[in-house]
N, C-alpha and C. Protein backbone atom coordinates (compact mmCIF):
# COMPACT_ATOMS: atom_id res chain seq x y z
N MET A 1 0.78 -1.10 0.06
CA MET A 1 -0.07 0.09 0.07
C MET A 1 0.91 1.36 -0.05
N ARG A 2 1.91 1.25 0.67
CA ARG A 2 2.70 2.65 0.81
C ARG A 2 3.43 2.60 -0.52
N ARG A 3 3.84 1.40 -1.06
CA ARG A 3 4.58 1.75 -2.50
C ARG A 3 3.59 2.19 -3.40
N THR A 4 2.31 1.85 -3.39
CA THR A 4 1.31 2.46 -4.25
C THR A 4 1.25 3.84 -4.25
N SER A 5 1.02 4.27 -2.92
CA SER A 5 1.07 5.72 -2.62
C SER A 5 2.19 6.79 -2.96
N THR A 6 3.44 5.86 -2.71
CA THR A 6 4.70 6.45 -3.18
C THR A 6 4.69 6.88 -4.72
N ARG A 7 4.27 5.78 -5.50
CA ARG A 7 4.03 5.89 -6.83
C ARG A 7 2.96 6.81 -7.52
N LEU A 8 2.07 7.08 -6.70
CA LEU A 8 1.01 7.90 -7.27
C LEU A 8 1.59 9.19 -7.03
N LEU A 9 2.23 9.59 -5.78
CA LEU A 9 2.77 10.89 -5.53
C LEU A 9 3.89 11.20 -6.60
N LEU A 10 4.93 10.23 -7.11
CA LEU A 10 5.70 10.67 -8.06
C LEU A 10 4.95 10.78 -9.57
N VAL A 11 4.08 10.13 -9.62
CA VAL A 11 3.30 10.20 -10.99
C VAL A 11 2.69 11.85 -10.89
N ALA A 12 2.17 12.10 -9.89
CA ALA A 12 1.48 13.41 -9.64
C ALA A 12 2.46 14.57 -9.84
N ALA A 13 3.67 14.46 -9.20
CA ALA A 13 4.83 15.33 -9.29
C ALA A 13 5.10 15.47 -10.63
N SER A 14 5.63 14.41 -11.37
CA SER A 14 5.93 14.55 -12.85
C SER A 14 4.88 15.13 -13.58
N LEU A 15 3.60 14.88 -13.45
CA LEU A 15 2.48 15.63 -14.31
C LEU A 15 2.74 17.23 -13.84
N VAL A 16 2.86 17.45 -12.53
CA VAL A 16 3.09 19.08 -12.30
C VAL A 16 4.15 19.61 -13.16
N VAL A 17 5.16 18.90 -13.07
CA VAL A 17 6.43 19.41 -13.71
C VAL A 17 6.25 19.55 -15.17
N GLY A 18 5.70 18.51 -15.67
CA GLY A 18 5.39 18.51 -17.19
C GLY A 18 4.38 19.57 -17.74
N ALA A 19 3.20 19.71 -16.72
CA ALA A 19 2.46 20.89 -17.04
C ALA A 19 3.11 22.29 -17.00
N VAL A 20 3.98 22.40 -15.98
CA VAL A 20 4.74 23.84 -15.94
C VAL A 20 5.53 23.97 -17.18
N LEU A 21 6.48 22.95 -17.31
CA LEU A 21 7.38 22.95 -18.63
C LEU A 21 6.63 23.06 -19.91
N GLY A 22 5.46 22.43 -20.05
CA GLY A 22 4.69 22.49 -21.02
C GLY A 22 3.85 23.71 -21.50
N GLY A 23 3.64 24.53 -20.56
CA GLY A 23 2.94 25.86 -20.57
C GLY A 23 1.47 25.73 -20.31
N CYS A 24 0.99 24.76 -19.72
CA CYS A 24 -0.32 24.54 -19.36
C CYS A 24 -0.76 25.51 -18.32
N PHE A 25 0.11 26.04 -17.42
CA PHE A 25 -0.34 27.09 -16.53
C PHE A 25 -0.04 28.43 -17.33
N PRO A 26 -0.97 29.29 -16.79
CA PRO A 26 -0.96 30.75 -17.48
C PRO A 26 0.77 31.19 -17.13
N ARG A 27 1.25 31.95 -18.27
CA ARG A 27 2.27 32.57 -18.10
C ARG A 27 2.20 33.93 -17.25
N ALA A 28 3.27 34.20 -16.40
CA ALA A 28 3.26 35.34 -15.61
C ALA A 28 3.41 36.56 -16.33
N PRO A 29 2.54 37.68 -16.22
CA PRO A 29 2.33 38.87 -16.93
C PRO A 29 4.04 39.41 -16.98
N LEU A 30 4.50 39.94 -17.99
CA LEU A 30 5.86 40.70 -18.15
C LEU A 30 5.74 42.11 -18.30
N LEU A 31 6.31 42.97 -17.55
CA LEU A 31 6.30 44.27 -17.62
C LEU A 31 7.29 44.74 -18.69
N LEU A 32 6.46 45.22 -19.80
CA LEU A 32 7.62 45.56 -21.02
C LEU A 32 7.54 47.20 -21.13
N SER A 33 8.69 47.63 -21.09
CA SER A 33 8.82 49.17 -21.31
C SER A 33 9.81 49.46 -22.35
N VAL A 34 9.36 50.50 -23.13
CA VAL A 34 10.05 51.00 -24.23
C VAL A 34 10.11 52.50 -24.05
N CYS A 35 11.18 53.01 -24.17
CA CYS A 35 11.56 54.32 -24.01
C CYS A 35 12.05 55.02 -25.52
N VAL A 36 11.85 55.97 -26.02
CA VAL A 36 12.23 56.55 -27.26
C VAL A 36 13.01 57.87 -27.11
N PHE A 37 13.95 58.10 -27.61
CA PHE A 37 14.70 59.38 -27.40
C PHE A 37 15.33 59.92 -28.89
N ASP A 38 15.76 61.14 -28.77
CA ASP A 38 16.26 61.88 -29.85
C ASP A 38 17.43 61.48 -30.03
N ALA A 39 18.11 61.08 -31.21
CA ALA A 39 19.26 60.40 -31.06
C ALA A 39 20.53 61.55 -31.21
N LYS A 40 20.29 62.64 -31.64
CA LYS A 40 21.07 63.89 -31.48
C LYS A 40 20.94 64.65 -30.07
N THR A 41 19.93 64.78 -29.73
CA THR A 41 19.80 65.74 -28.43
C THR A 41 19.78 64.97 -27.23
N GLY A 42 19.36 63.62 -27.33
CA GLY A 42 18.99 62.65 -26.18
C GLY A 42 17.71 63.12 -25.43
N ASP A 43 16.97 63.86 -26.11
CA ASP A 43 15.59 64.34 -25.46
C ASP A 43 14.62 63.18 -25.49
N PRO A 44 13.83 62.86 -24.71
CA PRO A 44 12.65 62.02 -24.94
C PRO A 44 11.79 62.55 -25.87
N ILE A 45 11.13 61.72 -26.88
CA ILE A 45 10.14 62.01 -27.76
C ILE A 45 8.77 61.51 -27.30
N ALA A 46 7.76 62.33 -27.10
CA ALA A 46 6.61 62.11 -26.68
C ALA A 46 5.57 61.69 -27.95
N GLY A 47 4.60 61.10 -27.63
CA GLY A 47 3.89 60.67 -28.94
C GLY A 47 4.27 59.86 -29.94
N ALA A 48 5.43 59.14 -29.51
CA ALA A 48 5.94 58.16 -30.71
C ALA A 48 5.03 56.99 -30.66
N GLU A 49 4.85 56.38 -32.00
CA GLU A 49 4.18 55.14 -32.00
C GLU A 49 5.08 53.99 -31.99
N ILE A 50 4.72 53.07 -31.17
CA ILE A 50 5.42 51.99 -30.86
C ILE A 50 4.90 50.71 -30.96
N ARG A 51 5.35 49.65 -31.75
CA ARG A 51 4.64 48.34 -31.95
C ARG A 51 5.65 47.42 -31.77
N ILE A 52 5.36 46.28 -31.26
CA ILE A 52 6.00 45.05 -31.14
C ILE A 52 5.19 43.79 -31.05
N ALA A 53 5.41 42.88 -31.74
CA ALA A 53 4.59 41.73 -31.98
C ALA A 53 2.87 42.28 -32.44
N ASP A 54 2.17 41.90 -31.72
CA ASP A 54 0.64 42.42 -31.88
C ASP A 54 0.35 43.62 -30.69
N LEU A 55 1.34 43.82 -30.27
CA LEU A 55 0.94 45.07 -29.32
C LEU A 55 1.34 46.47 -30.02
N ALA A 56 0.57 47.37 -29.52
CA ALA A 56 1.04 48.89 -30.01
C ALA A 56 0.57 49.91 -28.97
N GLY A 57 1.40 50.94 -28.99
CA GLY A 57 0.91 51.92 -27.69
C GLY A 57 1.79 53.15 -28.40
N THR A 58 1.59 54.21 -27.40
CA THR A 58 2.14 55.49 -27.64
C THR A 58 3.17 55.97 -26.47
N SER A 59 4.28 56.83 -26.76
CA SER A 59 5.01 56.98 -25.86
C SER A 59 4.40 58.30 -24.98
N ASN A 60 4.87 58.21 -23.76
CA ASN A 60 4.13 59.48 -22.97
C ASN A 60 5.06 60.68 -22.75
N SER A 61 4.71 61.46 -21.85
CA SER A 61 5.65 62.78 -22.05
C SER A 61 7.01 62.64 -21.54
N ILE A 62 7.28 61.55 -21.04
CA ILE A 62 8.83 61.18 -20.77
C ILE A 62 9.35 60.12 -21.79
N GLY A 63 8.73 59.87 -22.98
CA GLY A 63 9.07 59.27 -23.85
C GLY A 63 9.02 57.69 -23.88
N CYS A 64 8.28 57.42 -22.75
CA CYS A 64 8.24 55.97 -22.48
C CYS A 64 6.73 55.15 -22.63
N TRP A 65 6.64 53.99 -23.03
CA TRP A 65 5.64 53.21 -23.07
C TRP A 65 5.56 51.98 -22.24
N ASN A 66 4.69 51.87 -21.15
CA ASN A 66 4.90 50.55 -20.43
C ASN A 66 3.74 49.72 -20.28
N GLN A 67 3.78 48.39 -20.68
CA GLN A 67 2.76 47.72 -20.96
C GLN A 67 2.98 46.04 -20.33
N PHE A 68 2.01 45.73 -19.64
CA PHE A 68 2.04 44.33 -19.04
C PHE A 68 1.54 43.33 -20.13
N THR A 69 2.42 42.34 -20.57
CA THR A 69 1.84 41.49 -21.57
C THR A 69 2.50 39.99 -21.16
N LYS A 70 1.92 39.14 -21.93
CA LYS A 70 2.40 37.68 -21.59
C LYS A 70 3.14 37.20 -23.09
N LEU A 71 4.11 38.02 -23.69
CA LEU A 71 4.82 37.53 -24.80
C LEU A 71 5.83 36.43 -24.44
N ALA A 72 5.87 35.61 -25.20
CA ALA A 72 6.50 34.42 -24.84
C ALA A 72 7.96 34.65 -24.95
N PRO A 73 9.03 33.95 -24.48
CA PRO A 73 10.39 34.38 -24.52
C PRO A 73 10.88 34.23 -25.93
N GLY A 74 11.78 35.06 -26.49
CA GLY A 74 12.17 34.99 -27.88
C GLY A 74 12.70 36.39 -28.33
N SER A 75 12.93 36.37 -29.62
CA SER A 75 13.38 37.64 -30.37
C SER A 75 12.31 38.38 -30.79
N TYR A 76 12.27 39.63 -30.60
CA TYR A 76 11.26 40.46 -31.30
C TYR A 76 11.83 41.74 -32.06
N THR A 77 11.06 42.38 -32.65
CA THR A 77 11.44 43.73 -33.38
C THR A 77 10.65 44.94 -32.97
N ILE A 78 10.95 45.74 -32.30
CA ILE A 78 10.44 46.81 -32.06
C ILE A 78 10.34 47.88 -33.07
N THR A 79 9.29 48.42 -33.58
CA THR A 79 9.50 49.50 -34.75
C THR A 79 8.83 50.79 -34.03
N VAL A 80 9.42 51.71 -34.35
CA VAL A 80 9.01 53.19 -33.81
C VAL A 80 8.96 54.13 -34.88
N SER A 81 7.78 55.00 -34.96
CA SER A 81 7.81 56.22 -35.66
C SER A 81 7.26 57.49 -34.79
N ALA A 82 7.64 58.64 -35.28
CA ALA A 82 7.25 59.85 -34.78
C ALA A 82 7.39 60.88 -35.91
N VAL A 83 6.55 61.84 -35.66
CA VAL A 83 6.65 63.19 -36.42
C VAL A 83 8.00 63.89 -36.52
N GLY A 84 8.47 64.05 -37.45
CA GLY A 84 9.87 64.84 -37.70
C GLY A 84 10.87 63.86 -37.38
N TYR A 85 10.88 62.57 -37.32
CA TYR A 85 11.74 61.57 -37.28
C TYR A 85 11.81 60.66 -38.34
N ALA A 86 12.80 59.91 -38.52
CA ALA A 86 13.01 58.78 -39.43
C ALA A 86 12.46 57.75 -38.60
N ASP A 87 11.66 56.61 -39.37
CA ASP A 87 11.46 55.50 -38.34
C ASP A 87 12.41 54.71 -38.05
N GLY A 88 12.44 54.01 -36.89
CA GLY A 88 13.55 53.33 -36.19
C GLY A 88 12.98 51.84 -35.76
N SER A 89 13.82 51.03 -35.55
CA SER A 89 13.55 49.73 -35.37
C SER A 89 14.64 49.31 -34.43
N GLU A 90 14.39 48.21 -33.42
CA GLU A 90 15.35 47.57 -32.63
C GLU A 90 15.03 45.99 -32.31
N VAL A 91 15.99 45.06 -32.61
CA VAL A 91 15.74 43.82 -32.20
C VAL A 91 16.13 43.50 -30.87
N VAL A 92 15.27 42.89 -30.18
CA VAL A 92 15.30 42.88 -28.47
C VAL A 92 15.13 41.29 -28.35
N VAL A 93 15.52 40.86 -27.03
CA VAL A 93 15.30 39.55 -26.58
C VAL A 93 14.56 39.70 -25.36
N ILE A 94 13.32 39.00 -25.24
CA ILE A 94 12.60 38.81 -24.01
C ILE A 94 13.05 37.36 -23.47
N ARG A 95 13.37 37.39 -22.29
CA ARG A 95 13.96 36.13 -21.59
C ARG A 95 12.95 35.55 -20.46
N GLU A 96 13.09 34.26 -20.34
CA GLU A 96 12.17 33.54 -19.50
C GLU A 96 12.36 34.21 -18.12
N GLY A 97 11.15 33.94 -17.47
CA GLY A 97 11.15 34.46 -16.01
C GLY A 97 10.10 35.50 -15.74
N GLY A 98 9.56 36.18 -16.78
CA GLY A 98 8.70 37.41 -16.41
C GLY A 98 9.24 38.43 -15.76
N LEU A 99 10.43 38.62 -15.98
CA LEU A 99 11.11 39.85 -15.12
C LEU A 99 10.80 41.13 -16.02
N PRO A 100 10.91 42.21 -15.56
CA PRO A 100 10.76 43.48 -16.30
C PRO A 100 11.91 43.62 -17.57
N ALA A 101 11.13 43.94 -18.72
CA ALA A 101 12.06 43.92 -19.97
C ALA A 101 11.98 45.34 -20.20
N SER A 102 13.22 46.11 -20.31
CA SER A 102 13.17 47.77 -20.52
C SER A 102 14.21 47.73 -21.59
N PHE A 103 13.74 48.51 -22.70
CA PHE A 103 14.44 48.69 -24.11
C PHE A 103 14.33 50.34 -24.44
N THR A 104 15.37 50.59 -25.19
CA THR A 104 15.65 51.97 -25.80
C THR A 104 15.68 51.85 -27.21
N VAL A 105 14.91 52.99 -27.62
CA VAL A 105 15.09 52.99 -29.29
C VAL A 105 15.46 54.60 -29.45
N HIS A 106 16.68 54.94 -30.31
CA HIS A 106 16.71 56.18 -30.52
C HIS A 106 16.36 56.53 -32.07
N LEU A 107 15.73 57.64 -32.39
CA LEU A 107 15.38 58.08 -33.76
C LEU A 107 16.10 59.31 -34.01
N GLN A 108 16.36 59.12 -35.39
CA GLN A 108 17.29 60.28 -36.17
C GLN A 108 16.27 61.35 -36.47
N PRO A 109 16.33 62.52 -35.98
CA PRO A 109 15.54 63.74 -36.56
C PRO A 109 15.77 63.91 -38.06
N LEU A 110 14.67 64.16 -38.88
CA LEU A 110 14.67 64.68 -40.01
C LEU A 110 15.24 65.93 -40.33
N ALA A 111 16.18 65.95 -41.22
CA ALA A 111 16.91 67.15 -41.67
C ALA A 111 15.90 68.29 -42.47
N TYR A 112 16.05 69.52 -42.05
CA TYR A 112 15.22 70.59 -42.76
C TYR A 112 15.87 71.63 -43.11
N GLY A 113 15.34 72.36 -44.18
CA GLY A 113 15.82 73.57 -44.43
C GLY A 113 14.56 74.50 -44.73
N ARG A 114 14.81 76.00 -44.71
CA ARG A 114 13.80 76.87 -45.04
C ARG A 114 13.71 77.49 -46.46
N ILE A 115 12.55 77.50 -47.09
CA ILE A 115 12.15 78.18 -48.32
C ILE A 115 11.52 79.44 -48.06
N ARG A 116 12.04 80.62 -48.67
CA ARG A 116 11.42 81.92 -48.62
C ARG A 116 11.14 82.13 -50.00
N GLY A 117 9.95 82.93 -50.18
CA GLY A 117 9.93 83.15 -51.61
C GLY A 117 8.80 84.68 -51.72
N PHE A 118 8.84 84.99 -52.96
CA PHE A 118 8.13 86.20 -53.30
C PHE A 118 7.27 85.83 -54.47
N VAL A 119 6.05 86.00 -54.38
CA VAL A 119 5.22 86.07 -55.71
C VAL A 119 4.70 87.37 -56.21
N SER A 120 5.06 87.43 -57.53
CA SER A 120 4.71 88.86 -57.91
C SER A 120 3.97 88.78 -59.41
N SER A 121 3.53 89.84 -60.04
CA SER A 121 2.89 89.84 -61.20
C SER A 121 4.02 90.15 -62.09
N ASP A 122 3.52 90.38 -63.46
CA ASP A 122 4.57 90.79 -64.48
C ASP A 122 5.02 92.10 -64.43
N VAL A 123 4.42 92.92 -63.50
CA VAL A 123 4.67 94.44 -63.42
C VAL A 123 5.47 94.54 -61.90
N TRP A 124 5.99 93.39 -61.19
CA TRP A 124 6.85 93.39 -59.97
C TRP A 124 6.00 93.79 -58.76
N ILE A 125 4.71 93.35 -58.93
CA ILE A 125 3.83 93.99 -57.77
C ILE A 125 3.55 92.60 -57.02
N GLY A 126 3.95 92.65 -55.49
CA GLY A 126 3.66 91.29 -54.97
C GLY A 126 2.19 91.00 -54.82
N VAL A 127 1.73 90.02 -55.00
CA VAL A 127 0.57 89.36 -55.01
C VAL A 127 -0.01 88.59 -53.71
N GLU A 128 -1.06 89.09 -53.19
CA GLU A 128 -1.47 88.60 -51.90
C GLU A 128 -2.48 87.36 -52.10
N GLY A 129 -2.36 86.57 -51.19
CA GLY A 129 -3.45 85.28 -51.20
C GLY A 129 -3.28 84.26 -52.13
N ILE A 130 -1.94 84.16 -52.66
CA ILE A 130 -1.79 83.12 -53.59
C ILE A 130 -1.22 81.70 -52.86
N PRO A 131 -2.03 80.88 -53.02
CA PRO A 131 -1.66 79.51 -52.59
C PRO A 131 -0.34 78.77 -53.01
N ILE A 132 0.61 78.50 -52.00
CA ILE A 132 2.00 77.95 -52.25
C ILE A 132 1.94 76.41 -52.08
N PHE A 133 2.17 75.39 -53.09
CA PHE A 133 2.32 74.21 -52.87
C PHE A 133 3.77 73.43 -53.14
N LEU A 134 4.01 72.73 -52.13
CA LEU A 134 5.29 72.04 -52.27
C LEU A 134 4.98 70.49 -52.47
N ASP A 135 5.48 70.07 -53.78
CA ASP A 135 5.12 68.88 -54.28
C ASP A 135 3.90 68.58 -54.39
N GLY A 136 2.91 69.47 -54.70
CA GLY A 136 1.49 69.30 -54.87
C GLY A 136 0.95 69.45 -53.54
N GLU A 137 1.46 69.70 -52.39
CA GLU A 137 0.77 69.83 -51.19
C GLU A 137 0.71 71.23 -50.87
N LEU A 138 -0.48 71.73 -50.46
CA LEU A 138 -0.60 72.99 -49.91
C LEU A 138 0.13 73.31 -48.93
N VAL A 139 1.19 74.42 -48.46
CA VAL A 139 1.92 74.43 -47.44
C VAL A 139 1.88 75.93 -46.91
N ALA A 140 1.42 76.95 -47.76
CA ALA A 140 1.51 78.25 -47.42
C ALA A 140 0.47 79.14 -48.35
N VAL A 141 0.36 80.40 -47.83
CA VAL A 141 -0.39 81.39 -48.75
C VAL A 141 0.40 82.71 -48.64
N THR A 142 0.52 83.29 -49.63
CA THR A 142 1.30 84.75 -49.53
C THR A 142 0.66 85.84 -48.72
N ASP A 143 1.37 86.53 -48.19
CA ASP A 143 0.85 87.60 -47.31
C ASP A 143 0.51 88.87 -48.13
N ALA A 144 0.19 89.91 -47.55
CA ALA A 144 -0.19 91.22 -47.99
C ALA A 144 0.81 91.87 -48.99
N LEU A 145 2.10 91.38 -48.77
CA LEU A 145 3.17 91.86 -49.67
C LEU A 145 3.59 90.74 -50.68
N GLY A 146 3.02 89.68 -50.80
CA GLY A 146 3.42 88.59 -51.68
C GLY A 146 4.39 87.54 -51.21
N TYR A 147 4.82 87.77 -49.71
CA TYR A 147 5.86 86.77 -49.25
C TYR A 147 5.25 85.55 -48.73
N PHE A 148 6.04 84.67 -48.60
CA PHE A 148 5.87 83.24 -48.04
C PHE A 148 7.00 82.55 -47.56
N GLN A 149 6.79 81.63 -46.60
CA GLN A 149 8.10 80.67 -46.05
C GLN A 149 7.45 79.59 -45.35
N PHE A 150 8.38 78.64 -45.38
CA PHE A 150 7.91 77.39 -44.63
C PHE A 150 9.25 76.44 -44.72
N GLU A 151 9.10 75.38 -43.76
CA GLU A 151 10.14 74.51 -43.94
C GLU A 151 9.95 73.26 -44.71
N ALA A 152 10.96 72.81 -45.26
CA ALA A 152 11.01 71.54 -46.21
C ALA A 152 11.97 70.59 -45.69
N SER A 153 11.71 69.35 -45.96
CA SER A 153 12.77 68.25 -45.60
C SER A 153 13.87 68.42 -46.80
N VAL A 154 15.12 67.82 -46.42
CA VAL A 154 16.07 67.90 -47.44
C VAL A 154 15.89 67.01 -48.59
N GLY A 155 16.36 67.62 -49.65
CA GLY A 155 16.06 66.90 -50.97
C GLY A 155 15.50 67.80 -51.99
N ASP A 156 15.25 67.27 -52.99
CA ASP A 156 14.66 67.97 -54.22
C ASP A 156 13.19 67.92 -54.06
N HIS A 157 12.83 69.19 -54.29
CA HIS A 157 11.44 69.67 -54.41
C HIS A 157 11.07 70.55 -55.36
N THR A 158 9.66 70.56 -55.62
CA THR A 158 9.00 71.73 -56.73
C THR A 158 8.06 72.63 -55.77
N VAL A 159 8.25 73.85 -56.04
CA VAL A 159 7.33 74.85 -55.25
C VAL A 159 6.53 75.41 -56.34
N THR A 160 5.28 75.46 -56.15
CA THR A 160 4.39 76.02 -57.23
C THR A 160 3.46 77.09 -56.45
N ALA A 161 3.30 78.18 -57.14
CA ALA A 161 2.51 79.31 -56.68
C ALA A 161 1.16 79.22 -57.47
N GLY A 162 0.07 79.49 -56.95
CA GLY A 162 -1.11 79.44 -57.91
C GLY A 162 -2.06 78.19 -58.06
N ALA A 163 -3.20 78.33 -58.06
CA ALA A 163 -3.93 77.11 -58.29
C ALA A 163 -4.66 76.96 -59.71
N SER A 164 -4.43 77.98 -60.60
CA SER A 164 -4.96 78.10 -61.83
C SER A 164 -3.93 77.93 -63.15
N THR A 165 -4.35 77.07 -64.04
CA THR A 165 -3.26 76.99 -64.96
C THR A 165 -3.42 77.90 -66.19
N ALA A 166 -4.54 78.92 -66.15
CA ALA A 166 -4.70 79.83 -67.19
C ALA A 166 -3.65 81.09 -66.77
N GLY A 167 -2.42 80.77 -67.05
CA GLY A 167 -1.62 82.02 -66.82
C GLY A 167 -1.14 82.27 -65.47
N GLY A 168 -1.85 81.64 -64.54
CA GLY A 168 -1.88 82.08 -62.97
C GLY A 168 -0.98 81.02 -62.23
N ARG A 169 -0.09 80.24 -62.85
CA ARG A 169 0.46 79.20 -62.04
C ARG A 169 2.01 79.43 -62.53
N ALA A 170 3.06 79.36 -61.47
CA ALA A 170 4.54 79.25 -61.78
C ALA A 170 5.10 78.28 -60.76
N SER A 171 6.11 77.60 -61.28
CA SER A 171 6.78 76.50 -60.62
C SER A 171 8.33 76.71 -60.61
N GLU A 172 9.05 76.35 -59.49
CA GLU A 172 10.43 76.25 -59.58
C GLU A 172 10.98 75.05 -58.77
N ALA A 173 12.02 74.61 -59.28
CA ALA A 173 12.79 73.45 -58.59
C ALA A 173 13.61 73.94 -57.56
N VAL A 174 13.58 73.36 -56.29
CA VAL A 174 14.48 73.75 -55.17
C VAL A 174 15.16 72.40 -54.59
N THR A 175 16.53 72.48 -54.26
CA THR A 175 17.05 71.41 -53.70
C THR A 175 17.45 72.00 -52.37
N VAL A 176 16.88 71.31 -51.32
CA VAL A 176 16.93 71.96 -49.87
C VAL A 176 18.13 71.26 -49.41
N VAL A 177 18.88 71.87 -48.40
CA VAL A 177 19.98 71.32 -47.59
C VAL A 177 19.79 71.71 -46.09
N ASP A 178 20.37 70.63 -45.33
CA ASP A 178 20.11 70.56 -44.03
C ASP A 178 20.45 72.21 -43.48
N GLY A 179 19.54 72.75 -42.80
CA GLY A 179 19.71 74.12 -42.14
C GLY A 179 19.85 75.20 -43.10
N GLY A 180 19.53 74.97 -44.47
CA GLY A 180 19.57 76.03 -45.50
C GLY A 180 18.62 77.03 -45.67
N ASP A 181 18.93 78.17 -46.12
CA ASP A 181 17.88 78.97 -46.25
C ASP A 181 17.91 79.47 -47.67
N HIS A 182 16.65 79.02 -48.42
CA HIS A 182 16.52 79.11 -49.74
C HIS A 182 15.56 80.22 -50.28
N GLU A 183 15.94 80.85 -51.34
CA GLU A 183 15.23 82.07 -51.63
C GLU A 183 14.79 81.87 -53.20
N ILE A 184 13.49 82.11 -53.43
CA ILE A 184 12.90 81.84 -54.81
C ILE A 184 12.05 83.22 -55.22
N ARG A 185 11.91 83.29 -56.39
CA ARG A 185 10.61 84.24 -57.03
C ARG A 185 10.08 83.65 -58.03
N LEU A 186 8.78 83.87 -57.75
CA LEU A 186 7.74 83.30 -59.05
C LEU A 186 6.98 84.49 -59.47
N PHE A 187 6.86 84.42 -60.62
CA PHE A 187 5.87 85.33 -61.62
C PHE A 187 4.80 84.72 -62.00
N ILE A 188 3.55 85.64 -61.87
CA ILE A 188 2.34 84.77 -62.47
C ILE A 188 1.62 86.07 -62.90
N ASP A 189 0.40 85.63 -63.63
CA ASP A 189 -0.45 86.66 -64.23
C ASP A 189 -1.19 87.10 -62.99
N TRP A 190 -1.34 88.00 -62.42
CA TRP A 190 -1.97 88.40 -61.37
C TRP A 190 -3.59 88.64 -61.71
N THR A 191 -4.12 88.57 -62.80
CA THR A 191 -5.35 88.51 -63.02
C THR A 191 -5.93 87.28 -62.73
N ALA A 192 -5.01 86.25 -62.66
CA ALA A 192 -5.49 84.98 -62.34
C ALA A 192 -5.90 84.95 -60.77
N ARG A 193 -5.45 85.64 -59.84
CA ARG A 193 -5.95 85.73 -58.63
C ARG A 193 -7.39 85.94 -58.49
N PHE A 194 -8.03 86.72 -59.37
CA PHE A 194 -9.33 87.19 -59.48
C PHE A 194 -10.19 86.10 -60.39
N GLY A 195 -9.43 85.35 -60.93
CA GLY A 195 -10.59 84.36 -61.98
C GLY A 195 -10.73 85.13 -63.21
N LEU A 196 -10.00 86.13 -63.50
CA LEU A 196 -10.35 86.83 -64.70
C LEU A 196 -9.57 86.24 -65.95
N GLY A 197 -8.56 85.51 -65.82
CA GLY A 197 -8.05 85.06 -66.92
C GLY A 197 -7.16 86.05 -67.65
N THR A 198 -6.37 85.50 -68.53
CA THR A 198 -5.27 86.30 -69.35
C THR A 198 -5.92 87.34 -70.31
N ASP A 199 -7.06 87.04 -70.79
CA ASP A 199 -7.97 87.90 -71.89
C ASP A 199 -8.41 89.39 -71.19
N TRP A 200 -8.42 89.27 -69.75
CA TRP A 200 -8.75 90.53 -68.91
C TRP A 200 -7.77 91.43 -69.35
N ALA A 201 -6.48 91.10 -69.34
CA ALA A 201 -5.49 92.10 -69.45
C ALA A 201 -5.30 92.79 -70.73
N LYS A 202 -6.00 92.36 -71.73
CA LYS A 202 -6.14 92.81 -73.05
C LYS A 202 -6.99 94.26 -73.23
N ARG A 203 -6.55 95.06 -72.60
CA ARG A 203 -7.45 96.21 -72.58
C ARG A 203 -7.22 97.17 -73.71
N PRO A 204 -8.32 97.89 -74.29
CA PRO A 204 -8.09 98.68 -75.33
C PRO A 204 -7.21 99.56 -75.38
N THR A 205 -6.37 99.91 -76.57
CA THR A 205 -5.50 100.73 -76.52
C THR A 205 -5.75 102.25 -77.34
N ALA A 206 -5.36 103.40 -76.65
CA ALA A 206 -6.19 104.47 -77.20
C ALA A 206 -5.36 105.07 -78.56
N GLY A 207 -6.15 105.53 -79.45
CA GLY A 207 -5.34 105.66 -80.97
C GLY A 207 -5.36 104.38 -81.69
N ALA A 208 -5.69 103.32 -81.28
CA ALA A 208 -5.57 102.23 -82.19
C ALA A 208 -6.59 102.19 -83.36
N ALA A 209 -6.28 101.72 -84.72
CA ALA A 209 -7.18 101.73 -85.57
C ALA A 209 -8.11 100.73 -85.49
N ILE A 210 -9.39 101.03 -85.86
CA ILE A 210 -10.54 100.09 -85.50
C ILE A 210 -10.93 99.90 -87.07
N ALA A 211 -11.17 98.56 -87.34
CA ALA A 211 -11.42 97.96 -88.93
C ALA A 211 -12.83 98.28 -89.07
N PRO A 212 -13.38 98.58 -90.13
CA PRO A 212 -14.94 98.95 -90.27
C PRO A 212 -15.48 97.60 -90.33
């Protein structure tokens, strides 16, 4: 009888060990922490979008995202994106034991330059209210004197003034460098500002001969 009881205890113990090793019992929650920083300044980046496996979150005011999870031990890729920064990723390893896992990702800030410009008519008068497009996207409107300015990422761009093709649009290619200050001047038919078209500028000329 005693031998039978001992055998039963040994069988029960082996079943428990097998269940634990086989994952039959729930995995302990893991505290996962991902912090995102500016690669140049070291400042925390708030509002960064963070993804790992099927989890997603947003960094807080100190650049961190904390999440309890039951991710299995193994290798994972953390991907991070934030406005004004190039996307970043980091391959990390989560170890067995449910210990807190803390990881850091540094993002490179995108490089920018400034584009300043002046939109004038063919009589060199600044034109107010002209929409300015960068690669087809509206980015500014000329002020009362015809000036505009905005920031653009490093690279080749096309700046376009005006939304009409009836003589009221002008474009110029610009190559932006990091920290650069680029000035351009665009000429348009100012009558297009009022939707009058180029025919409006063909006014009668005094003393011109009139055919019968």
